[in-house]
Amino acid sequence: MGKYPPEMCIIGFHYRKKLYICKLFRNESCMKKNAPQKSSQRPVIKRTHRISFLMNDEEQKILDKYVSKYKVENVSKFVREAVIRTALRQLDQDRPTLFDQK
């Protein structure tokens, strides 16, 4: 831990037998448990709904290749953002318009 400055949090997690390291800058709420939240910070929204899905061998190989090639440190965040991005894009395309677009 000596090679990282004290203002950084180092978080490690395991995914498919590999260790990924995430470096985050500390803020006061990270360092103090009961620190009051500043008004300029966004409120923290807890994730309470769990979604799990299965992948076949080819899909898993593709995901593993992408994660290693582009050095994705947080696979869960990557998959969550990809799903939400796709859903929002589709909802945006399907929204009603005032005039027919051809």
PDB file of N, CA and C in Angstrom:
ATOM      1  N   MET A   1       0.808  -1.198   0.000  1.00  0.00           N
ATOM      2  CA  MET A   1       0.000   0.000   0.000  1.00  0.00           C
ATOM      3  C   MET A   1       0.852   1.263   0.000  1.00  0.00           C
ATOM      4  N   GLY A   2       2.144   1.150   0.227  1.00  0.00           N
ATOM      5  CA  GLY A   2       2.997   2.301   0.329  1.00  0.00           C
ATOM      6  C   GLY A   2       3.181   3.052  -0.978  1.00  0.00           C
ATOM      7  N   LYS A   3       2.970   2.403  -2.121  1.00  0.00           N
ATOM      8  CA  LYS A   3       3.207   3.091  -3.389  1.00  0.00           C
ATOM      9  C   LYS A   3       2.036   3.958  -3.831  1.00  0.00           C
ATOM     10  N   TYR A   4       0.895   3.870  -3.137  1.00  0.00           N
ATOM     11  CA  TYR A   4      -0.263   4.691  -3.471  1.00  0.00           C
ATOM     12  C   TYR A   4      -0.365   5.850  -2.496  1.00  0.00           C
ATOM     13  N   PRO A   5      -0.767   7.035  -2.973  1.00  0.00           N
ATOM     14  CA  PRO A   5      -0.924   8.165  -2.057  1.00  0.00           C
ATOM     15  C   PRO A   5      -2.071   7.888  -1.076  1.00  0.00           C
ATOM     16  N   PRO A   6      -2.029   8.489   0.113  1.00  0.00           N
ATOM     17  CA  PRO A   6      -3.042   8.203   1.131  1.00  0.00           C
ATOM     18  C   PRO A   6      -4.441   8.655   0.744  1.00  0.00           C
ATOM     19  N   GLU A   7      -4.579   9.512  -0.265  1.00  0.00           N
ATOM     20  CA  GLU A   7      -5.910   9.968  -0.656  1.00  0.00           C
ATOM     21  C   GLU A   7      -6.602   9.007  -1.625  1.00  0.00           C
ATOM     22  N   MET A   8      -6.040   7.826  -1.829  1.00  0.00           N
ATOM     23  CA  MET A   8      -6.648   6.860  -2.740  1.00  0.00           C
ATOM     24  C   MET A   8      -7.135   5.625  -1.988  1.00  0.00           C
ATOM     25  N   CYS A   9      -8.312   5.102  -2.403  1.00  0.00           N
ATOM     26  CA  CYS A   9      -8.823   3.821  -1.921  1.00  0.00           C
ATOM     27  C   CYS A   9      -8.421   2.769  -2.950  1.00  0.00           C
ATOM     28  N   ILE A  10      -7.934   1.649  -2.513  1.00  0.00           N
ATOM     29  CA  ILE A  10      -7.602   0.561  -3.417  1.00  0.00           C
ATOM     30  C   ILE A  10      -8.588  -0.568  -3.124  1.00  0.00           C
ATOM     31  N   ILE A  11      -9.358  -0.964  -4.138  1.00  0.00           N
ATOM     32  CA  ILE A  11     -10.374  -1.990  -3.980  1.00  0.00           C
ATOM     33  C   ILE A  11     -10.049  -3.118  -4.948  1.00  0.00           C
ATOM     34  N   GLY A  12     -10.096  -4.336  -4.474  1.00  0.00           N
ATOM     35  CA  GLY A  12      -9.858  -5.488  -5.326  1.00  0.00           C
ATOM     36  C   GLY A  12     -11.081  -6.388  -5.345  1.00  0.00           C
ATOM     37  N   PHE A  13     -11.358  -7.019  -6.478  1.00  0.00           N
ATOM     38  CA  PHE A  13     -12.436  -7.988  -6.551  1.00  0.00           C
ATOM     39  C   PHE A  13     -12.043  -9.084  -7.524  1.00  0.00           C
ATOM     40  N   HIS A  14     -12.624 -10.255  -7.347  1.00  0.00           N
ATOM     41  CA  HIS A  14     -12.326 -11.411  -8.178  1.00  0.00           C
ATOM     42  C   HIS A  14     -13.448 -11.616  -9.189  1.00  0.00           C
ATOM     43  N   TYR A  15     -13.077 -11.907 -10.426  1.00  0.00           N
ATOM     44  CA  TYR A  15     -14.031 -12.251 -11.467  1.00  0.00           C
ATOM     45  C   TYR A  15     -13.398 -13.351 -12.304  1.00  0.00           C
ATOM     46  N   ARG A  16     -14.046 -14.492 -12.351  1.00  0.00           N
ATOM     47  CA  ARG A  16     -13.590 -15.641 -13.126  1.00  0.00           C
ATOM     48  C   ARG A  16     -12.117 -15.961 -12.846  1.00  0.00           C
ATOM     49  N   LYS A  17     -11.814 -16.094 -11.570  1.00  0.00           N
ATOM     50  CA  LYS A  17     -10.488 -16.497 -11.082  1.00  0.00           C
ATOM     51  C   LYS A  17      -9.382 -15.486 -11.392  1.00  0.00           C
ATOM     52  N   LYS A  18      -9.752 -14.237 -11.706  1.00  0.00           N
ATOM     53  CA  LYS A  18      -8.764 -13.179 -11.930  1.00  0.00           C
ATOM     54  C   LYS A  18      -9.039 -12.070 -10.934  1.00  0.00           C
ATOM     55  N   LEU A  19      -7.999 -11.398 -10.490  1.00  0.00           N
ATOM     56  CA  LEU A  19      -8.125 -10.304  -9.546  1.00  0.00           C
ATOM     57  C   LEU A  19      -8.054  -8.985 -10.313  1.00  0.00           C
ATOM     58  N   TYR A  20      -9.045  -8.139 -10.119  1.00  0.00           N
ATOM     59  CA  TYR A  20      -9.082  -6.813 -10.728  1.00  0.00           C
ATOM     60  C   TYR A  20      -8.930  -5.787  -9.614  1.00  0.00           C
ATOM     61  N   ILE A  21      -8.125  -4.774  -9.856  1.00  0.00           N
ATOM     62  CA  ILE A  21      -7.861  -3.739  -8.865  1.00  0.00           C
ATOM     63  C   ILE A  21      -8.472  -2.436  -9.347  1.00  0.00           C
ATOM     64  N   CYS A  22      -9.177  -1.768  -8.466  1.00  0.00           N
ATOM     65  CA  CYS A  22      -9.812  -0.491  -8.787  1.00  0.00           C
ATOM     66  C   CYS A  22      -9.234   0.562  -7.850  1.00  0.00           C
ATOM     67  N   LYS A  23      -8.748   1.659  -8.406  1.00  0.00           N
ATOM     68  CA  LYS A  23      -8.192   2.740  -7.603  1.00  0.00           C
ATOM     69  C   LYS A  23      -9.185   3.900  -7.601  1.00  0.00           C
ATOM     70  N   LEU A  24      -9.627   4.303  -6.433  1.00  0.00           N
ATOM     71  CA  LEU A  24     -10.578   5.395  -6.289  1.00  0.00           C
ATOM     72  C   LEU A  24      -9.979   6.464  -5.403  1.00  0.00           C
ATOM     73  N   PHE A  25     -10.275   7.724  -5.707  1.00  0.00           N
ATOM     74  CA  PHE A  25      -9.826   8.800  -4.834  1.00  0.00           C
ATOM     75  C   PHE A  25     -10.762   8.872  -3.647  1.00  0.00           C
ATOM     76  N   ARG A  26     -10.172   9.020  -2.471  1.00  0.00           N
ATOM     77  CA  ARG A  26     -10.964   9.117  -1.244  1.00  0.00           C
ATOM     78  C   ARG A  26     -11.627  10.481  -1.173  1.00  0.00           C
ATOM     79  N   ASN A  27     -12.785  10.502  -0.569  1.00  0.00           N
ATOM     80  CA  ASN A  27     -13.390  11.766  -0.191  1.00  0.00           C
ATOM     81  C   ASN A  27     -13.710  11.673   1.296  1.00  0.00           C
ATOM     82  N   GLU A  28     -14.245  12.709   1.881  1.00  0.00           N
ATOM     83  CA  GLU A  28     -14.466  12.692   3.321  1.00  0.00           C
ATOM     84  C   GLU A  28     -15.462  11.619   3.725  1.00  0.00           C
ATOM     85  N   SER A  29     -16.484  11.369   2.908  1.00  0.00           N
ATOM     86  CA  SER A  29     -17.477  10.364   3.288  1.00  0.00           C
ATOM     87  C   SER A  29     -16.887   8.959   3.192  1.00  0.00           C
ATOM     88  N   CYS A  30     -15.845   8.772   2.388  1.00  0.00           N
ATOM     89  CA  CYS A  30     -15.172   7.471   2.319  1.00  0.00           C
ATOM     90  C   CYS A  30     -14.327   7.258   3.570  1.00  0.00           C
ATOM     91  N   MET A  31     -13.743   8.324   4.077  1.00  0.00           N
ATOM     92  CA  MET A  31     -12.838   8.200   5.201  1.00  0.00           C
ATOM     93  C   MET A  31     -13.588   8.181   6.537  1.00  0.00           C
ATOM     94  N   LYS A  32     -14.698   8.891   6.647  1.00  0.00           N
ATOM     95  CA  LYS A  32     -15.455   8.952   7.886  1.00  0.00           C
ATOM     96  C   LYS A  32     -16.823   8.329   7.650  1.00  0.00           C
ATOM     97  N   LYS A  33     -17.196   7.385   8.504  1.00  0.00           N
ATOM     98  CA  LYS A  33     -18.470   6.697   8.310  1.00  0.00           C
ATOM     99  C   LYS A  33     -19.660   7.630   8.473  1.00  0.00           C
ATOM    100  N   ASN A  34     -19.659   8.461   9.491  1.00  0.00           N
ATOM    101  CA  ASN A  34     -20.814   9.291   9.793  1.00  0.00           C
ATOM    102  C   ASN A  34     -20.631  10.740   9.353  1.00  0.00           C
ATOM    103  N   ALA A  35     -19.874  10.972   8.309  1.00  0.00           N
ATOM    104  CA  ALA A  35     -19.650  12.332   7.843  1.00  0.00           C
ATOM    105  C   ALA A  35     -20.928  12.855   7.198  1.00  0.00           C
ATOM    106  N   PRO A  36     -21.295  14.106   7.480  1.00  0.00           N
ATOM    107  CA  PRO A  36     -22.505  14.653   6.856  1.00  0.00           C
ATOM    108  C   PRO A  36     -22.306  14.814   5.355  1.00  0.00           C
ATOM    109  N   GLN A  37     -23.376  14.599   4.611  1.00  0.00           N
ATOM    110  CA  GLN A  37     -23.294  14.683   3.161  1.00  0.00           C
ATOM    111  C   GLN A  37     -23.379  16.138   2.720  1.00  0.00           C
ATOM    112  N   LYS A  38     -22.473  16.532   1.833  1.00  0.00           N
ATOM    113  CA  LYS A  38     -22.477  17.893   1.331  1.00  0.00           C
ATOM    114  C   LYS A  38     -23.630  18.062   0.355  1.00  0.00           C
ATOM    115  N   SER A  39     -24.160  19.266   0.250  1.00  0.00           N
ATOM    116  CA  SER A  39     -25.303  19.499  -0.632  1.00  0.00           C
ATOM    117  C   SER A  39     -24.920  19.401  -2.108  1.00  0.00           C
ATOM    118  N   SER A  40     -23.635  19.578  -2.447  1.00  0.00           N
ATOM    119  CA  SER A  40     -23.215  19.511  -3.838  1.00  0.00           C
ATOM    120  C   SER A  40     -23.080  18.074  -4.340  1.00  0.00           C
ATOM    121  N   GLN A  41     -23.040  17.092  -3.416  1.00  0.00           N
ATOM    122  CA  GLN A  41     -22.896  15.706  -3.823  1.00  0.00           C
ATOM    123  C   GLN A  41     -24.254  15.135  -4.202  1.00  0.00           C
ATOM    124  N   ARG A  42     -24.231  14.188  -5.144  1.00  0.00           N
ATOM    125  CA  ARG A  42     -25.464  13.496  -5.509  1.00  0.00           C
ATOM    126  C   ARG A  42     -25.838  12.549  -4.380  1.00  0.00           C
ATOM    127  N   PRO A  43     -27.134  12.364  -4.138  1.00  0.00           N
ATOM    128  CA  PRO A  43     -27.520  11.396  -3.114  1.00  0.00           C
ATOM    129  C   PRO A  43     -27.188   9.975  -3.581  1.00  0.00           C
ATOM    130  N   VAL A  44     -26.804   9.136  -2.648  1.00  0.00           N
ATOM    131  CA  VAL A  44     -26.453   7.756  -2.970  1.00  0.00           C
ATOM    132  C   VAL A  44     -27.739   6.946  -3.098  1.00  0.00           C
ATOM    133  N   ILE A  45     -27.885   6.279  -4.224  1.00  0.00           N
ATOM    134  CA  ILE A  45     -29.050   5.436  -4.452  1.00  0.00           C
ATOM    135  C   ILE A  45     -28.586   3.991  -4.339  1.00  0.00           C
ATOM    136  N   LYS A  46     -29.118   3.270  -3.349  1.00  0.00           N
ATOM    137  CA  LYS A  46     -28.707   1.882  -3.128  1.00  0.00           C
ATOM    138  C   LYS A  46     -29.338   0.988  -4.185  1.00  0.00           C
ATOM    139  N   ARG A  47     -28.559   0.038  -4.649  1.00  0.00           N
ATOM    140  CA  ARG A  47     -29.074  -0.970  -5.572  1.00  0.00           C
ATOM    141  C   ARG A  47     -29.629  -2.118  -4.745  1.00  0.00           C
ATOM    142  N   THR A  48     -30.930  -2.346  -4.834  1.00  0.00           N
ATOM    143  CA  THR A  48     -31.561  -3.389  -4.028  1.00  0.00           C
ATOM    144  C   THR A  48     -32.115  -4.519  -4.877  1.00  0.00           C
ATOM    145  N   HIS A  49     -32.188  -4.354  -6.177  1.00  0.00           N
ATOM    146  CA  HIS A  49     -32.763  -5.365  -7.061  1.00  0.00           C
ATOM    147  C   HIS A  49     -31.639  -6.139  -7.745  1.00  0.00           C
ATOM    148  N   ARG A  50     -31.679  -7.452  -7.590  1.00  0.00           N
ATOM    149  CA  ARG A  50     -30.643  -8.305  -8.164  1.00  0.00           C
ATOM    150  C   ARG A  50     -31.174  -8.944  -9.442  1.00  0.00           C
ATOM    151  N   ILE A  51     -30.350  -8.920 -10.480  1.00  0.00           N
ATOM    152  CA  ILE A  51     -30.664  -9.591 -11.740  1.00  0.00           C
ATOM    153  C   ILE A  51     -29.495 -10.514 -12.053  1.00  0.00           C
ATOM    154  N   SER A  52     -29.798 -11.755 -12.346  1.00  0.00           N
ATOM    155  CA  SER A  52     -28.737 -12.672 -12.743  1.00  0.00           C
ATOM    156  C   SER A  52     -29.153 -13.344 -14.042  1.00  0.00           C
ATOM    157  N   PHE A  53     -28.184 -13.677 -14.849  1.00  0.00           N
ATOM    158  CA  PHE A  53     -28.469 -14.323 -16.121  1.00  0.00           C
ATOM    159  C   PHE A  53     -27.347 -15.282 -16.458  1.00  0.00           C
ATOM    160  N   LEU A  54     -27.649 -16.224 -17.320  1.00  0.00           N
ATOM    161  CA  LEU A  54     -26.677 -17.224 -17.737  1.00  0.00           C
ATOM    162  C   LEU A  54     -26.175 -16.904 -19.132  1.00  0.00           C
ATOM    163  N   MET A  55     -24.938 -17.294 -19.396  1.00  0.00           N
ATOM    164  CA  MET A  55     -24.339 -17.100 -20.713  1.00  0.00           C
ATOM    165  C   MET A  55     -23.852 -18.453 -21.216  1.00  0.00           C
ATOM    166  N   ASN A  56     -23.886 -18.615 -22.531  1.00  0.00           N
ATOM    167  CA  ASN A  56     -23.303 -19.845 -23.084  1.00  0.00           C
ATOM    168  C   ASN A  56     -21.792 -19.648 -23.211  1.00  0.00           C
ATOM    169  N   ASP A  57     -21.096 -20.683 -23.644  1.00  0.00           N
ATOM    170  CA  ASP A  57     -19.633 -20.626 -23.703  1.00  0.00           C
ATOM    171  C   ASP A  57     -19.132 -19.526 -24.635  1.00  0.00           C
ATOM    172  N   GLU A  58     -19.758 -19.380 -25.797  1.00  0.00           N
ATOM    173  CA  GLU A  58     -19.316 -18.366 -26.766  1.00  0.00           C
ATOM    174  C   GLU A  58     -19.504 -16.958 -26.215  1.00  0.00           C
ATOM    175  N   GLU A  59     -20.650 -16.694 -25.582  1.00  0.00           N
ATOM    176  CA  GLU A  59     -20.900 -15.371 -25.005  1.00  0.00           C
ATOM    177  C   GLU A  59     -19.889 -15.069 -23.903  1.00  0.00           C
ATOM    178  N   GLN A  60     -19.583 -16.053 -23.079  1.00  0.00           N
ATOM    179  CA  GLN A  60     -18.617 -15.853 -22.002  1.00  0.00           C
ATOM    180  C   GLN A  60     -17.217 -15.593 -22.552  1.00  0.00           C
ATOM    181  N   LYS A  61     -16.842 -16.286 -23.620  1.00  0.00           N
ATOM    182  CA  LYS A  61     -15.529 -16.050 -24.244  1.00  0.00           C
ATOM    183  C   LYS A  61     -15.441 -14.634 -24.793  1.00  0.00           C
ATOM    184  N   ILE A  62     -16.530 -14.180 -25.426  1.00  0.00           N
ATOM    185  CA  ILE A  62     -16.553 -12.820 -25.975  1.00  0.00           C
ATOM    186  C   ILE A  62     -16.398 -11.795 -24.859  1.00  0.00           C
ATOM    187  N   LEU A  63     -17.149 -11.982 -23.755  1.00  0.00           N
ATOM    188  CA  LEU A  63     -17.055 -11.046 -22.635  1.00  0.00           C
ATOM    189  C   LEU A  63     -15.659 -11.063 -22.016  1.00  0.00           C
ATOM    190  N   ASP A  64     -15.098 -12.246 -21.818  1.00  0.00           N
ATOM    191  CA  ASP A  64     -13.750 -12.355 -21.254  1.00  0.00           C
ATOM    192  C   ASP A  64     -12.713 -11.684 -22.145  1.00  0.00           C
ATOM    193  N   LYS A  65     -12.843 -11.874 -23.463  1.00  0.00           N
ATOM    194  CA  LYS A  65     -11.898 -11.260 -24.402  1.00  0.00           C
ATOM    195  C   LYS A  65     -12.007  -9.739 -24.346  1.00  0.00           C
ATOM    196  N   TYR A  66     -13.232  -9.212 -24.315  1.00  0.00           N
ATOM    197  CA  TYR A  66     -13.437  -7.767 -24.246  1.00  0.00           C
ATOM    198  C   TYR A  66     -12.859  -7.202 -22.949  1.00  0.00           C
ATOM    199  N   VAL A  67     -13.148  -7.871 -21.827  1.00  0.00           N
ATOM    200  CA  VAL A  67     -12.679  -7.411 -20.518  1.00  0.00           C
ATOM    201  C   VAL A  67     -11.158  -7.359 -20.471  1.00  0.00           C
ATOM    202  N   SER A  68     -10.505  -8.382 -21.007  1.00  0.00           N
ATOM    203  CA  SER A  68      -9.040  -8.388 -20.959  1.00  0.00           C
ATOM    204  C   SER A  68      -8.435  -7.421 -21.978  1.00  0.00           C
ATOM    205  N   LYS A  69      -9.020  -7.321 -23.171  1.00  0.00           N
ATOM    206  CA  LYS A  69      -8.464  -6.450 -24.211  1.00  0.00           C
ATOM    207  C   LYS A  69      -8.568  -4.975 -23.828  1.00  0.00           C
ATOM    208  N   TYR A  70      -9.723  -4.568 -23.298  1.00  0.00           N
ATOM    209  CA  TYR A  70      -9.942  -3.161 -22.971  1.00  0.00           C
ATOM    210  C   TYR A  70      -9.744  -2.859 -21.494  1.00  0.00           C
ATOM    211  N   LYS A  71      -9.195  -3.830 -20.752  1.00  0.00           N
ATOM    212  CA  LYS A  71      -8.838  -3.646 -19.345  1.00  0.00           C
ATOM    213  C   LYS A  71      -9.997  -3.083 -18.525  1.00  0.00           C
ATOM    214  N   VAL A  72     -11.158  -3.707 -18.648  1.00  0.00           N
ATOM    215  CA  VAL A  72     -12.330  -3.310 -17.878  1.00  0.00           C
ATOM    216  C   VAL A  72     -12.092  -3.741 -16.433  1.00  0.00           C
ATOM    217  N   GLU A  73     -12.116  -2.786 -15.524  1.00  0.00           N
ATOM    218  CA  GLU A  73     -11.826  -3.093 -14.130  1.00  0.00           C
ATOM    219  C   GLU A  73     -13.061  -3.523 -13.358  1.00  0.00           C
ATOM    220  N   ASN A  74     -14.247  -3.082 -13.768  1.00  0.00           N
ATOM    221  CA  ASN A  74     -15.467  -3.402 -13.051  1.00  0.00           C
ATOM    222  C   ASN A  74     -16.458  -4.000 -14.048  1.00  0.00           C
ATOM    223  N   VAL A  75     -16.489  -5.310 -14.120  1.00  0.00           N
ATOM    224  CA  VAL A  75     -17.317  -6.006 -15.110  1.00  0.00           C
ATOM    225  C   VAL A  75     -18.792  -5.798 -14.812  1.00  0.00           C
ATOM    226  N   SER A  76     -19.162  -5.799 -13.550  1.00  0.00           N
ATOM    227  CA  SER A  76     -20.551  -5.591 -13.161  1.00  0.00           C
ATOM    228  C   SER A  76     -21.051  -4.230 -13.643  1.00  0.00           C
ATOM    229  N   LYS A  77     -20.256  -3.198 -13.426  1.00  0.00           N
ATOM    230  CA  LYS A  77     -20.613  -1.847 -13.874  1.00  0.00           C
ATOM    231  C   LYS A  77     -20.705  -1.800 -15.397  1.00  0.00           C
ATOM    232  N   PHE A  78     -19.765  -2.457 -16.073  1.00  0.00           N
ATOM    233  CA  PHE A  78     -19.758  -2.477 -17.530  1.00  0.00           C
ATOM    234  C   PHE A  78     -21.040  -3.111 -18.082  1.00  0.00           C
ATOM    235  N   VAL A  79     -21.424  -4.272 -17.554  1.00  0.00           N
ATOM    236  CA  VAL A  79     -22.629  -4.963 -18.032  1.00  0.00           C
ATOM    237  C   VAL A  79     -23.870  -4.145 -17.705  1.00  0.00           C
ATOM    238  N   ARG A  80     -23.943  -3.595 -16.479  1.00  0.00           N
ATOM    239  CA  ARG A  80     -25.094  -2.784 -16.079  1.00  0.00           C
ATOM    240  C   ARG A  80     -25.255  -1.573 -16.992  1.00  0.00           C
ATOM    241  N   GLU A  81     -24.158  -0.862 -17.280  1.00  0.00           N
ATOM    242  CA  GLU A  81     -24.235   0.315 -18.144  1.00  0.00           C
ATOM    243  C   GLU A  81     -24.607  -0.060 -19.574  1.00  0.00           C
ATOM    244  N   ALA A  82     -24.116  -1.202 -20.060  1.00  0.00           N
ATOM    245  CA  ALA A  82     -24.445  -1.641 -21.421  1.00  0.00           C
ATOM    246  C   ALA A  82     -25.938  -1.950 -21.542  1.00  0.00           C
ATOM    247  N   VAL A  83     -26.495  -2.604 -20.546  1.00  0.00           N
ATOM    248  CA  VAL A  83     -27.929  -2.933 -20.576  1.00  0.00           C
ATOM    249  C   VAL A  83     -28.769  -1.663 -20.522  1.00  0.00           C
ATOM    250  N   ILE A  84     -28.453  -0.764 -19.601  1.00  0.00           N
ATOM    251  CA  ILE A  84     -29.221   0.474 -19.462  1.00  0.00           C
ATOM    252  C   ILE A  84     -29.080   1.335 -20.709  1.00  0.00           C
ATOM    253  N   ARG A  85     -27.866   1.412 -21.286  1.00  0.00           N
ATOM    254  CA  ARG A  85     -27.648   2.192 -22.500  1.00  0.00           C
ATOM    255  C   ARG A  85     -28.515   1.667 -23.646  1.00  0.00           C
ATOM    256  N   THR A  86     -28.573   0.348 -23.806  1.00  0.00           N
ATOM    257  CA  THR A  86     -29.379  -0.254 -24.860  1.00  0.00           C
ATOM    258  C   THR A  86     -30.862   0.016 -24.631  1.00  0.00           C
ATOM    259  N   ALA A  87     -31.325  -0.124 -23.386  1.00  0.00           N
ATOM    260  CA  ALA A  87     -32.736   0.113 -23.084  1.00  0.00           C
ATOM    261  C   ALA A  87     -33.117   1.571 -23.326  1.00  0.00           C
ATOM    262  N   LEU A  88     -32.275   2.506 -22.886  1.00  0.00           N
ATOM    263  CA  LEU A  88     -32.579   3.928 -23.086  1.00  0.00           C
ATOM    264  C   LEU A  88     -32.573   4.304 -24.563  1.00  0.00           C
ATOM    265  N   ARG A  89     -31.651   3.741 -25.338  1.00  0.00           N
ATOM    266  CA  ARG A  89     -31.604   4.017 -26.772  1.00  0.00           C
ATOM    267  C   ARG A  89     -32.885   3.541 -27.454  1.00  0.00           C
ATOM    268  N   GLN A  90     -33.348   2.340 -27.096  1.00  0.00           N
ATOM    269  CA  GLN A  90     -34.564   1.799 -27.696  1.00  0.00           C
ATOM    270  C   GLN A  90     -35.788   2.616 -27.278  1.00  0.00           C
ATOM    271  N   LEU A  91     -35.868   2.993 -26.013  1.00  0.00           N
ATOM    272  CA  LEU A  91     -36.983   3.820 -25.559  1.00  0.00           C
ATOM    273  C   LEU A  91     -36.985   5.182 -26.247  1.00  0.00           C
ATOM    274  N   ASP A  92     -35.805   5.735 -26.496  1.00  0.00           N
ATOM    275  CA  ASP A  92     -35.710   7.009 -27.193  1.00  0.00           C
ATOM    276  C   ASP A  92     -36.178   6.889 -28.636  1.00  0.00           C
ATOM    277  N   GLN A  93     -35.846   5.775 -29.280  1.00  0.00           N
ATOM    278  CA  GLN A  93     -36.282   5.562 -30.664  1.00  0.00           C
ATOM    279  C   GLN A  93     -37.781   5.319 -30.756  1.00  0.00           C
ATOM    280  N   ASP A  94     -38.375   4.730 -29.739  1.00  0.00           N
ATOM    281  CA  ASP A  94     -39.788   4.382 -29.766  1.00  0.00           C
ATOM    282  C   ASP A  94     -40.709   5.477 -29.244  1.00  0.00           C
ATOM    283  N   ARG A  95     -40.166   6.584 -28.798  1.00  0.00           N
ATOM    284  CA  ARG A  95     -41.017   7.630 -28.234  1.00  0.00           C
ATOM    285  C   ARG A  95     -41.918   8.219 -29.320  1.00  0.00           C
ATOM    286  N   PRO A  96     -43.102   8.648 -28.936  1.00  0.00           N
ATOM    287  CA  PRO A  96     -44.014   9.231 -29.927  1.00  0.00           C
ATOM    288  C   PRO A  96     -43.478  10.582 -30.425  1.00  0.00           C
ATOM    289  N   THR A  97     -43.719  10.855 -31.696  1.00  0.00           N
ATOM    290  CA  THR A  97     -43.288  12.124 -32.284  1.00  0.00           C
ATOM    291  C   THR A  97     -44.491  12.887 -32.779  1.00  0.00           C
ATOM    292  N   LEU A  98     -44.322  14.160 -32.943  1.00  0.00           N
ATOM    293  CA  LEU A  98     -45.426  14.996 -33.404  1.00  0.00           C
ATOM    294  C   LEU A  98     -45.727  14.744 -34.870  1.00  0.00           C
ATOM    295  N   PHE A  99     -44.698  14.540 -35.662  1.00  0.00           N
ATOM    296  CA  PHE A  99     -44.859  14.300 -37.092  1.00  0.00           C
ATOM    297  C   PHE A  99     -44.252  12.938 -37.428  1.00  0.00           C
ATOM    298  N   ASP A 100     -44.809  12.270 -38.422  1.00  0.00           N
ATOM    299  CA  ASP A 100     -44.249  10.992 -38.856  1.00  0.00           C
ATOM    300  C   ASP A 100     -42.867  11.212 -39.424  1.00  0.00           C
ATOM    301  N   GLN A 101     -41.927  10.419 -38.963  1.00  0.00           N
ATOM    302  CA  GLN A 101     -40.573  10.458 -39.504  1.00  0.00           C
ATOM    303  C   GLN A 101     -40.369   9.227 -40.352  1.00  0.00           C
ATOM    304  N   LYS A 102     -39.935   9.431 -41.590  1.00  0.00           N
ATOM    305  CA  LYS A 102     -39.754   8.310 -42.521  1.00  0.00           C
ATOM    306  C   LYS A 102     -38.313   8.099 -42.830  1.00  0.00           C
TER     307      LYS A 102
END
